[in-house]
Every structure is written in C-alpha cells, then in structure tokens.
Amino acid sequence: MKNSKVKTLTRSDLASAITGQFRVTRFVAAEIVEDVLDEISGALMNGEAVKISGFGTFSIRQKNERMGRNPRTLEKALIKSRKVVTFKASPVLKKIVDGG
C-alpha cells in the first residue's frame, strides 16, 4: 500500500513540540533535539543498545558478507559485511500503533 500523503516528522517538528510544551526558545529546543540524537548516535557507535522505555530499543547488528544480485542487471555481486541499526518496538508502542 503506497500513500503519497505520508507526513514525515522532522527535527524541526520535534523542536516545535518542545518549544510549545516547555516554553523555551526555538534555538534551545533545537539544541535539545540535537543533543538527544547525538547521545543516541554515540551510544550506538560505541556498540551499546539504546532502550527508550515505552518506545523501543535501537541496537547494532553485524551482517555477514554474502552474494547478492543487482536487481536491474541481475548480475551477481558481493555484498560486504557491515553493521546495521535495528529497531524493535516496545509492546506499548505496538499497541498504540495498532489503535489500542
């Protein structure tokens, strides 16, 4: 199902929400958003999992090298091993998303 009207929540939207809720300047709110994202990124880069209660857990997973295929040319290609970020939603978030 493709929805062309999907709204994207941006850093600016988060800063606006902080500004409205905590009565801080737009500049301070933007700094708060950046600081939180920096903390999450830093923890992941250090190999730590990031658990946000009631939301979910971000973690790093190592993917092994494997053979893949270019979907356009169907040519086989080696996909190098790499680290990827994974996210597992908490039961609370799953319930909210499901309409509960």
PDB file of N, CA and C in Angstrom:
ATOM      1  N   MET A   1       0.853  -1.178   0.000  1.00  0.00           N
ATOM      2  CA  MET A   1       0.000   0.000   0.000  1.00  0.00           C
ATOM      3  C   MET A   1       0.893   1.233   0.000  1.00  0.00           C
ATOM      4  N   LYS A   2       0.746   2.078  -0.993  1.00  0.00           N
ATOM      5  CA  LYS A   2       1.561   3.273  -1.113  1.00  0.00           C
ATOM      6  C   LYS A   2       0.701   4.495  -0.824  1.00  0.00           C
ATOM      7  N   ASN A   3       1.153   5.317   0.111  1.00  0.00           N
ATOM      8  CA  ASN A   3       0.412   6.509   0.478  1.00  0.00           C
ATOM      9  C   ASN A   3       1.279   7.720   0.183  1.00  0.00           C
ATOM     10  N   SER A   4       0.903   8.521  -0.801  1.00  0.00           N
ATOM     11  CA  SER A   4       1.712   9.671  -1.185  1.00  0.00           C
ATOM     12  C   SER A   4       1.542  10.839  -0.215  1.00  0.00           C
ATOM     13  N   LYS A   5       0.626  10.765   0.717  1.00  0.00           N
ATOM     14  CA  LYS A   5       0.366  11.850   1.661  1.00  0.00           C
ATOM     15  C   LYS A   5       0.940  11.568   3.050  1.00  0.00           C
ATOM     16  N   VAL A   6       1.965  10.730   3.131  1.00  0.00           N
ATOM     17  CA  VAL A   6       2.556  10.382   4.408  1.00  0.00           C
ATOM     18  C   VAL A   6       3.311  11.586   4.952  1.00  0.00           C
ATOM     19  N   LYS A   7       3.038  11.942   6.188  1.00  0.00           N
ATOM     20  CA  LYS A   7       3.730  13.051   6.851  1.00  0.00           C
ATOM     21  C   LYS A   7       5.004  12.528   7.474  1.00  0.00           C
ATOM     22  N   THR A   8       6.057  13.304   7.376  1.00  0.00           N
ATOM     23  CA  THR A   8       7.336  12.959   7.979  1.00  0.00           C
ATOM     24  C   THR A   8       7.571  13.874   9.170  1.00  0.00           C
ATOM     25  N   LEU A   9       7.869  13.288  10.304  1.00  0.00           N
ATOM     26  CA  LEU A   9       8.201  14.060  11.496  1.00  0.00           C
ATOM     27  C   LEU A   9       9.670  14.454  11.396  1.00  0.00           C
ATOM     28  N   THR A  10       9.948  15.745  11.427  1.00  0.00           N
ATOM     29  CA  THR A  10      11.311  16.233  11.254  1.00  0.00           C
ATOM     30  C   THR A  10      11.890  16.751  12.573  1.00  0.00           C
ATOM     31  N   ARG A  11      13.187  17.050  12.558  1.00  0.00           N
ATOM     32  CA  ARG A  11      13.835  17.658  13.722  1.00  0.00           C
ATOM     33  C   ARG A  11      13.141  18.966  14.080  1.00  0.00           C
ATOM     34  N   SER A  12      12.769  19.707  13.063  1.00  0.00           N
ATOM     35  CA  SER A  12      12.081  20.976  13.276  1.00  0.00           C
ATOM     36  C   SER A  12      10.736  20.762  13.978  1.00  0.00           C
ATOM     37  N   ASP A  13      10.012  19.724  13.586  1.00  0.00           N
ATOM     38  CA  ASP A  13       8.732  19.404  14.244  1.00  0.00           C
ATOM     39  C   ASP A  13       8.953  19.064  15.712  1.00  0.00           C
ATOM     40  N   LEU A  14       9.990  18.289  15.995  1.00  0.00           N
ATOM     41  CA  LEU A  14      10.305  17.941  17.383  1.00  0.00           C
ATOM     42  C   LEU A  14      10.652  19.191  18.189  1.00  0.00           C
ATOM     43  N   ALA A  15      11.452  20.076  17.591  1.00  0.00           N
ATOM     44  CA  ALA A  15      11.825  21.325  18.270  1.00  0.00           C
ATOM     45  C   ALA A  15      10.595  22.182  18.534  1.00  0.00           C
ATOM     46  N   SER A  16       9.681  22.224  17.584  1.00  0.00           N
ATOM     47  CA  SER A  16       8.442  22.998  17.772  1.00  0.00           C
ATOM     48  C   SER A  16       7.619  22.440  18.922  1.00  0.00           C
ATOM     49  N   ALA A  17       7.544  21.118  19.018  1.00  0.00           N
ATOM     50  CA  ALA A  17       6.791  20.495  20.116  1.00  0.00           C
ATOM     51  C   ALA A  17       7.421  20.829  21.463  1.00  0.00           C
ATOM     52  N   ILE A  18       8.741  20.806  21.522  1.00  0.00           N
ATOM     53  CA  ILE A  18       9.442  21.149  22.766  1.00  0.00           C
ATOM     54  C   ILE A  18       9.210  22.612  23.112  1.00  0.00           C
ATOM     55  N   THR A  19       9.288  23.489  22.120  1.00  0.00           N
ATOM     56  CA  THR A  19       9.067  24.921  22.338  1.00  0.00           C
ATOM     57  C   THR A  19       7.682  25.167  22.925  1.00  0.00           C
ATOM     58  N   GLY A  20       6.675  24.522  22.353  1.00  0.00           N
ATOM     59  CA  GLY A  20       5.303  24.715  22.818  1.00  0.00           C
ATOM     60  C   GLY A  20       5.046  24.149  24.199  1.00  0.00           C
ATOM     61  N   GLN A  21       5.655  23.031  24.498  1.00  0.00           N
ATOM     62  CA  GLN A  21       5.373  22.360  25.758  1.00  0.00           C
ATOM     63  C   GLN A  21       6.177  22.905  26.936  1.00  0.00           C
ATOM     64  N   PHE A  22       7.406  23.325  26.694  1.00  0.00           N
ATOM     65  CA  PHE A  22       8.278  23.718  27.799  1.00  0.00           C
ATOM     66  C   PHE A  22       8.628  25.201  27.813  1.00  0.00           C
ATOM     67  N   ARG A  23       8.064  25.956  26.904  1.00  0.00           N
ATOM     68  CA  ARG A  23       8.273  27.403  26.851  1.00  0.00           C
ATOM     69  C   ARG A  23       9.749  27.786  26.835  1.00  0.00           C
ATOM     70  N   VAL A  24      10.491  27.147  25.956  1.00  0.00           N
ATOM     71  CA  VAL A  24      11.890  27.509  25.736  1.00  0.00           C
ATOM     72  C   VAL A  24      11.980  28.104  24.328  1.00  0.00           C
ATOM     73  N   THR A  25      13.089  28.774  24.052  1.00  0.00           N
ATOM     74  CA  THR A  25      13.245  29.371  22.721  1.00  0.00           C
ATOM     75  C   THR A  25      13.410  28.281  21.676  1.00  0.00           C
ATOM     76  N   ARG A  26      13.174  28.647  20.450  1.00  0.00           N
ATOM     77  CA  ARG A  26      13.316  27.710  19.329  1.00  0.00           C
ATOM     78  C   ARG A  26      14.763  27.204  19.243  1.00  0.00           C
ATOM     79  N   PHE A  27      15.705  28.089  19.514  1.00  0.00           N
ATOM     80  CA  PHE A  27      17.118  27.728  19.487  1.00  0.00           C
ATOM     81  C   PHE A  27      17.440  26.668  20.542  1.00  0.00           C
ATOM     82  N   VAL A  28      16.949  26.874  21.756  1.00  0.00           N
ATOM     83  CA  VAL A  28      17.195  25.918  22.849  1.00  0.00           C
ATOM     84  C   VAL A  28      16.539  24.578  22.528  1.00  0.00           C
ATOM     85  N   ALA A  29      15.332  24.615  21.995  1.00  0.00           N
ATOM     86  CA  ALA A  29      14.625  23.381  21.646  1.00  0.00           C
ATOM     87  C   ALA A  29      15.387  22.608  20.570  1.00  0.00           C
ATOM     88  N   ALA A  30      15.918  23.314  19.574  1.00  0.00           N
ATOM     89  CA  ALA A  30      16.684  22.656  18.512  1.00  0.00           C
ATOM     90  C   ALA A  30      17.956  22.041  19.086  1.00  0.00           C
ATOM     91  N   GLU A  31      18.593  22.717  20.033  1.00  0.00           N
ATOM     92  CA  GLU A  31      19.793  22.171  20.690  1.00  0.00           C
ATOM     93  C   GLU A  31      19.455  20.905  21.473  1.00  0.00           C
ATOM     94  N   ILE A  32      18.315  20.894  22.145  1.00  0.00           N
ATOM     95  CA  ILE A  32      17.879  19.715  22.905  1.00  0.00           C
ATOM     96  C   ILE A  32      17.705  18.524  21.967  1.00  0.00           C
ATOM     97  N   VAL A  33      17.035  18.735  20.840  1.00  0.00           N
ATOM     98  CA  VAL A  33      16.818  17.663  19.863  1.00  0.00           C
ATOM     99  C   VAL A  33      18.167  17.134  19.370  1.00  0.00           C
ATOM    100  N   GLU A  34      19.072  18.035  19.004  1.00  0.00           N
ATOM    101  CA  GLU A  34      20.395  17.624  18.517  1.00  0.00           C
ATOM    102  C   GLU A  34      21.165  16.856  19.586  1.00  0.00           C
ATOM    103  N   ASP A  35      21.110  17.324  20.842  1.00  0.00           N
ATOM    104  CA  ASP A  35      21.819  16.649  21.933  1.00  0.00           C
ATOM    105  C   ASP A  35      21.294  15.230  22.149  1.00  0.00           C
ATOM    106  N   VAL A  36      19.986  15.063  22.108  1.00  0.00           N
ATOM    107  CA  VAL A  36      19.392  13.733  22.289  1.00  0.00           C
ATOM    108  C   VAL A  36      19.817  12.804  21.151  1.00  0.00           C
ATOM    109  N   LEU A  37      19.747  13.290  19.926  1.00  0.00           N
ATOM    110  CA  LEU A  37      20.136  12.466  18.772  1.00  0.00           C
ATOM    111  C   LEU A  37      21.627  12.141  18.809  1.00  0.00           C
ATOM    112  N   ASP A  38      22.449  13.091  19.258  1.00  0.00           N
ATOM    113  CA  ASP A  38      23.892  12.839  19.399  1.00  0.00           C
ATOM    114  C   ASP A  38      24.168  11.755  20.438  1.00  0.00           C
ATOM    115  N   GLU A  39      23.443  11.786  21.548  1.00  0.00           N
ATOM    116  CA  GLU A  39      23.611  10.768  22.588  1.00  0.00           C
ATOM    117  C   GLU A  39      23.240   9.384  22.068  1.00  0.00           C
ATOM    118  N   ILE A  40      22.129   9.306  21.349  1.00  0.00           N
ATOM    119  CA  ILE A  40      21.694   8.024  20.785  1.00  0.00           C
ATOM    120  C   ILE A  40      22.727   7.519  19.777  1.00  0.00           C
ATOM    121  N   SER A  41      23.167   8.396  18.875  1.00  0.00           N
ATOM    122  CA  SER A  41      24.153   8.013  17.858  1.00  0.00           C
ATOM    123  C   SER A  41      25.468   7.575  18.495  1.00  0.00           C
ATOM    124  N   GLY A  42      25.911   8.323  19.500  1.00  0.00           N
ATOM    125  CA  GLY A  42      27.168   8.000  20.171  1.00  0.00           C
ATOM    126  C   GLY A  42      27.119   6.644  20.854  1.00  0.00           C
ATOM    127  N   ALA A  43      26.009   6.369  21.524  1.00  0.00           N
ATOM    128  CA  ALA A  43      25.864   5.080  22.201  1.00  0.00           C
ATOM    129  C   ALA A  43      25.894   3.940  21.186  1.00  0.00           C
ATOM    130  N   LEU A  44      25.201   4.111  20.072  1.00  0.00           N
ATOM    131  CA  LEU A  44      25.186   3.071  19.040  1.00  0.00           C
ATOM    132  C   LEU A  44      26.577   2.872  18.445  1.00  0.00           C
ATOM    133  N   MET A  45      27.299   3.968  18.211  1.00  0.00           N
ATOM    134  CA  MET A  45      28.657   3.860  17.671  1.00  0.00           C
ATOM    135  C   MET A  45      29.580   3.124  18.643  1.00  0.00           C
ATOM    136  N   ASN A  46      29.306   3.211  19.945  1.00  0.00           N
ATOM    137  CA  ASN A  46      30.103   2.520  20.961  1.00  0.00           C
ATOM    138  C   ASN A  46      29.639   1.091  21.193  1.00  0.00           C
ATOM    139  N   GLY A  47      28.687   0.636  20.393  1.00  0.00           N
ATOM    140  CA  GLY A  47      28.214  -0.739  20.498  1.00  0.00           C
ATOM    141  C   GLY A  47      27.155  -0.963  21.563  1.00  0.00           C
ATOM    142  N   GLU A  48      26.631   0.116  22.132  1.00  0.00           N
ATOM    143  CA  GLU A  48      25.601  -0.003  23.170  1.00  0.00           C
ATOM    144  C   GLU A  48      24.217  -0.036  22.533  1.00  0.00           C
ATOM    145  N   ALA A  49      23.299  -0.737  23.170  1.00  0.00           N
ATOM    146  CA  ALA A  49      21.901  -0.691  22.765  1.00  0.00           C
ATOM    147  C   ALA A  49      21.282   0.540  23.426  1.00  0.00           C
ATOM    148  N   VAL A  50      20.286   1.122  22.775  1.00  0.00           N
ATOM    149  CA  VAL A  50      19.590   2.288  23.323  1.00  0.00           C
ATOM    150  C   VAL A  50      18.142   1.895  23.543  1.00  0.00           C
ATOM    151  N   LYS A  51      17.745   1.809  24.813  1.00  0.00           N
ATOM    152  CA  LYS A  51      16.383   1.421  25.156  1.00  0.00           C
ATOM    153  C   LYS A  51      15.637   2.641  25.672  1.00  0.00           C
ATOM    154  N   ILE A  52      14.529   2.971  25.008  1.00  0.00           N
ATOM    155  CA  ILE A  52      13.681   4.076  25.428  1.00  0.00           C
ATOM    156  C   ILE A  52      12.377   3.444  25.907  1.00  0.00           C
ATOM    157  N   SER A  53      12.180   3.479  27.204  1.00  0.00           N
ATOM    158  CA  SER A  53      11.039   2.827  27.830  1.00  0.00           C
ATOM    159  C   SER A  53       9.721   3.281  27.189  1.00  0.00           C
ATOM    160  N   GLY A  54       8.873   2.329  26.851  1.00  0.00           N
ATOM    161  CA  GLY A  54       7.585   2.628  26.256  1.00  0.00           C
ATOM    162  C   GLY A  54       7.664   2.952  24.773  1.00  0.00           C
ATOM    163  N   PHE A  55       8.860   2.926  24.207  1.00  0.00           N
ATOM    164  CA  PHE A  55       9.034   3.248  22.793  1.00  0.00           C
ATOM    165  C   PHE A  55       9.692   2.094  22.050  1.00  0.00           C
ATOM    166  N   GLY A  56      10.926   1.739  22.435  1.00  0.00           N
ATOM    167  CA  GLY A  56      11.596   0.629  21.777  1.00  0.00           C
ATOM    168  C   GLY A  56      13.084   0.632  22.019  1.00  0.00           C
ATOM    169  N   THR A  57      13.767  -0.285  21.334  1.00  0.00           N
ATOM    170  CA  THR A  57      15.206  -0.459  21.507  1.00  0.00           C
ATOM    171  C   THR A  57      15.909  -0.386  20.158  1.00  0.00           C
ATOM    172  N   PHE A  58      16.929   0.471  20.099  1.00  0.00           N
ATOM    173  CA  PHE A  58      17.810   0.556  18.939  1.00  0.00           C
ATOM    174  C   PHE A  58      19.056  -0.247  19.272  1.00  0.00           C
ATOM    175  N   SER A  59      19.552  -1.018  18.313  1.00  0.00           N
ATOM    176  CA  SER A  59      20.790  -1.753  18.546  1.00  0.00           C
ATOM    177  C   SER A  59      21.531  -1.921  17.220  1.00  0.00           C
ATOM    178  N   ILE A  60      22.794  -2.333  17.334  1.00  0.00           N
ATOM    179  CA  ILE A  60      23.636  -2.560  16.167  1.00  0.00           C
ATOM    180  C   ILE A  60      23.719  -4.066  15.929  1.00  0.00           C
ATOM    181  N   ARG A  61      23.603  -4.458  14.661  1.00  0.00           N
ATOM    182  CA  ARG A  61      23.724  -5.862  14.293  1.00  0.00           C
ATOM    183  C   ARG A  61      24.769  -5.983  13.189  1.00  0.00           C
ATOM    184  N   GLN A  62      25.600  -6.982  13.300  1.00  0.00           N
ATOM    185  CA  GLN A  62      26.617  -7.242  12.274  1.00  0.00           C
ATOM    186  C   GLN A  62      26.011  -8.146  11.201  1.00  0.00           C
ATOM    187  N   LYS A  63      26.062  -7.700   9.955  1.00  0.00           N
ATOM    188  CA  LYS A  63      25.603  -8.537   8.840  1.00  0.00           C
ATOM    189  C   LYS A  63      26.832  -9.098   8.147  1.00  0.00           C
ATOM    190  N   ASN A  64      26.811 -10.374   7.873  1.00  0.00           N
ATOM    191  CA  ASN A  64      27.934 -11.046   7.236  1.00  0.00           C
ATOM    192  C   ASN A  64      27.990 -10.758   5.737  1.00  0.00           C
ATOM    193  N   GLU A  65      29.176 -10.961   5.179  1.00  0.00           N
ATOM    194  CA  GLU A  65      29.368 -10.835   3.738  1.00  0.00           C
ATOM    195  C   GLU A  65      28.507 -11.895   3.044  1.00  0.00           C
ATOM    196  N   ARG A  66      27.939 -11.544   1.889  1.00  0.00           N
ATOM    197  CA  ARG A  66      27.111 -12.504   1.161  1.00  0.00           C
ATOM    198  C   ARG A  66      27.051 -12.137  -0.309  1.00  0.00           C
ATOM    199  N   MET A  67      26.594 -13.083  -1.083  1.00  0.00           N
ATOM    200  CA  MET A  67      26.398 -12.833  -2.505  1.00  0.00           C
ATOM    201  C   MET A  67      25.000 -12.246  -2.700  1.00  0.00           C
ATOM    202  N   GLY A  68      24.937 -11.206  -3.508  1.00  0.00           N
ATOM    203  CA  GLY A  68      23.658 -10.582  -3.825  1.00  0.00           C
ATOM    204  C   GLY A  68      23.525 -10.467  -5.325  1.00  0.00           C
ATOM    205  N   ARG A  69      22.495  -9.760  -5.751  1.00  0.00           N
ATOM    206  CA  ARG A  69      22.268  -9.616  -7.176  1.00  0.00           C
ATOM    207  C   ARG A  69      21.777  -8.196  -7.441  1.00  0.00           C
ATOM    208  N   ASN A  70      22.353  -7.561  -8.469  1.00  0.00           N
ATOM    209  CA  ASN A  70      21.887  -6.250  -8.891  1.00  0.00           C
ATOM    210  C   ASN A  70      20.494  -6.444  -9.493  1.00  0.00           C
ATOM    211  N   PRO A  71      19.454  -5.831  -8.927  1.00  0.00           N
ATOM    212  CA  PRO A  71      18.096  -6.072  -9.423  1.00  0.00           C
ATOM    213  C   PRO A  71      17.860  -5.567 -10.854  1.00  0.00           C
ATOM    214  N   ARG A  72      18.639  -4.586 -11.263  1.00  0.00           N
ATOM    215  CA  ARG A  72      18.465  -4.041 -12.606  1.00  0.00           C
ATOM    216  C   ARG A  72      19.112  -4.921 -13.665  1.00  0.00           C
ATOM    217  N   THR A  73      20.354  -5.356 -13.401  1.00  0.00           N
ATOM    218  CA  THR A  73      21.097  -6.126 -14.406  1.00  0.00           C
ATOM    219  C   THR A  73      21.093  -7.626 -14.121  1.00  0.00           C
ATOM    220  N   LEU A  74      20.655  -8.013 -12.937  1.00  0.00           N
ATOM    221  CA  LEU A  74      20.648  -9.394 -12.459  1.00  0.00           C
ATOM    222  C   LEU A  74      22.057  -9.966 -12.323  1.00  0.00           C
ATOM    223  N   GLU A  75      23.060  -9.103 -12.357  1.00  0.00           N
ATOM    224  CA  GLU A  75      24.449  -9.514 -12.196  1.00  0.00           C
ATOM    225  C   GLU A  75      24.725  -9.819 -10.724  1.00  0.00           C
ATOM    226  N   LYS A  76      25.438 -10.901 -10.460  1.00  0.00           N
ATOM    227  CA  LYS A  76      25.803 -11.237  -9.088  1.00  0.00           C
ATOM    228  C   LYS A  76      26.869 -10.269  -8.587  1.00  0.00           C
ATOM    229  N   ALA A  77      26.779  -9.943  -7.300  1.00  0.00           N
ATOM    230  CA  ALA A  77      27.743  -9.020  -6.708  1.00  0.00           C
ATOM    231  C   ALA A  77      27.958  -9.397  -5.250  1.00  0.00           C
ATOM    232  N   LEU A  78      29.158  -9.179  -4.769  1.00  0.00           N
ATOM    233  CA  LEU A  78      29.484  -9.465  -3.385  1.00  0.00           C
ATOM    234  C   LEU A  78      29.061  -8.270  -2.526  1.00  0.00           C
ATOM    235  N   ILE A  79      28.273  -8.537  -1.508  1.00  0.00           N
ATOM    236  CA  ILE A  79      27.863  -7.502  -0.558  1.00  0.00           C
ATOM    237  C   ILE A  79      28.753  -7.663   0.663  1.00  0.00           C
ATOM    238  N   LYS A  80      29.527  -6.636   0.966  1.00  0.00           N
ATOM    239  CA  LYS A  80      30.490  -6.695   2.068  1.00  0.00           C
ATOM    240  C   LYS A  80      29.788  -6.760   3.415  1.00  0.00           C
ATOM    241  N   SER A  81      30.501  -7.289   4.417  1.00  0.00           N
ATOM    242  CA  SER A  81      29.939  -7.310   5.760  1.00  0.00           C
ATOM    243  C   SER A  81      29.822  -5.867   6.249  1.00  0.00           C
ATOM    244  N   ARG A  82      28.837  -5.628   7.084  1.00  0.00           N
ATOM    245  CA  ARG A  82      28.602  -4.278   7.561  1.00  0.00           C
ATOM    246  C   ARG A  82      27.778  -4.309   8.833  1.00  0.00           C
ATOM    247  N   LYS A  83      27.757  -3.186   9.517  1.00  0.00           N
ATOM    248  CA  LYS A  83      26.924  -3.035  10.703  1.00  0.00           C
ATOM    249  C   LYS A  83      25.666  -2.284  10.288  1.00  0.00           C
ATOM    250  N   VAL A  84      24.534  -2.701  10.856  1.00  0.00           N
ATOM    251  CA  VAL A  84      23.266  -2.027  10.580  1.00  0.00           C
ATOM    252  C   VAL A  84      22.573  -1.711  11.898  1.00  0.00           C
ATOM    253  N   VAL A  85      21.773  -0.655  11.883  1.00  0.00           N
ATOM    254  CA  VAL A  85      20.984  -0.280  13.057  1.00  0.00           C
ATOM    255  C   VAL A  85      19.646  -0.998  12.957  1.00  0.00           C
ATOM    256  N   THR A  86      19.238  -1.632  14.042  1.00  0.00           N
ATOM    257  CA  THR A  86      17.928  -2.274  14.081  1.00  0.00           C
ATOM    258  C   THR A  86      17.077  -1.590  15.145  1.00  0.00           C
ATOM    259  N   PHE A  87      15.771  -1.675  14.990  1.00  0.00           N
ATOM    260  CA  PHE A  87      14.845  -1.101  15.964  1.00  0.00           C
ATOM    261  C   PHE A  87      13.776  -2.133  16.270  1.00  0.00           C
ATOM    262  N   LYS A  88      13.544  -2.350  17.557  1.00  0.00           N
ATOM    263  CA  LYS A  88      12.471  -3.247  17.980  1.00  0.00           C
ATOM    264  C   LYS A  88      11.496  -2.431  18.817  1.00  0.00           C
ATOM    265  N   ALA A  89      10.290  -2.316  18.342  1.00  0.00           N
ATOM    266  CA  ALA A  89       9.267  -1.538  19.035  1.00  0.00           C
ATOM    267  C   ALA A  89       8.860  -2.228  20.331  1.00  0.00           C
ATOM    268  N   SER A  90       8.580  -1.414  21.347  1.00  0.00           N
ATOM    269  CA  SER A  90       8.117  -1.966  22.622  1.00  0.00           C
ATOM    270  C   SER A  90       6.658  -2.399  22.480  1.00  0.00           C
ATOM    271  N   PRO A  91       6.188  -3.256  23.382  1.00  0.00           N
ATOM    272  CA  PRO A  91       4.773  -3.641  23.333  1.00  0.00           C
ATOM    273  C   PRO A  91       3.838  -2.437  23.463  1.00  0.00           C
ATOM    274  N   VAL A  92       4.252  -1.437  24.222  1.00  0.00           N
ATOM    275  CA  VAL A  92       3.436  -0.229  24.395  1.00  0.00           C
ATOM    276  C   VAL A  92       3.279   0.489  23.052  1.00  0.00           C
ATOM    277  N   LEU A  93       4.377   0.677  22.335  1.00  0.00           N
ATOM    278  CA  LEU A  93       4.332   1.350  21.027  1.00  0.00           C
ATOM    279  C   LEU A  93       3.518   0.533  20.035  1.00  0.00           C
ATOM    280  N   LYS A  94       3.713  -0.787  20.049  1.00  0.00           N
ATOM    281  CA  LYS A  94       2.954  -1.651  19.141  1.00  0.00           C
ATOM    282  C   LYS A  94       1.456  -1.504  19.381  1.00  0.00           C
ATOM    283  N   LYS A  95       1.061  -1.425  20.630  1.00  0.00           N
ATOM    284  CA  LYS A  95      -0.354  -1.280  20.980  1.00  0.00           C
ATOM    285  C   LYS A  95      -0.886   0.069  20.504  1.00  0.00           C
ATOM    286  N   ILE A  96      -0.097   1.123  20.687  1.00  0.00           N
ATOM    287  CA  ILE A  96      -0.521   2.462  20.240  1.00  0.00           C
ATOM    288  C   ILE A  96      -0.704   2.492  18.733  1.00  0.00           C
ATOM    289  N   VAL A  97       0.271   1.943  18.014  1.00  0.00           N
ATOM    290  CA  VAL A  97       0.217   1.937  16.552  1.00  0.00           C
ATOM    291  C   VAL A  97      -0.960   1.113  16.055  1.00  0.00           C
ATOM    292  N   ASP A  98      -1.286   0.046  16.764  1.00  0.00           N
ATOM    293  CA  ASP A  98      -2.380  -0.834  16.382  1.00  0.00           C
ATOM    294  C   ASP A  98      -3.753  -0.236  16.707  1.00  0.00           C
ATOM    295  N   GLY A  99      -3.756   0.939  17.363  1.00  0.00           N
ATOM    296  CA  GLY A  99      -5.029   1.597  17.661  1.00  0.00           C
ATOM    297  C   GLY A  99      -5.561   1.305  19.042  1.00  0.00           C
ATOM    298  N   GLY A 100      -4.721   0.728  19.889  1.00  0.00           N
ATOM    299  CA  GLY A 100      -5.165   0.344  21.211  1.00  0.00           C
ATOM    300  C   GLY A 100      -4.790   1.361  22.218  1.00  0.00           C
TER     301      GLY A 100
END
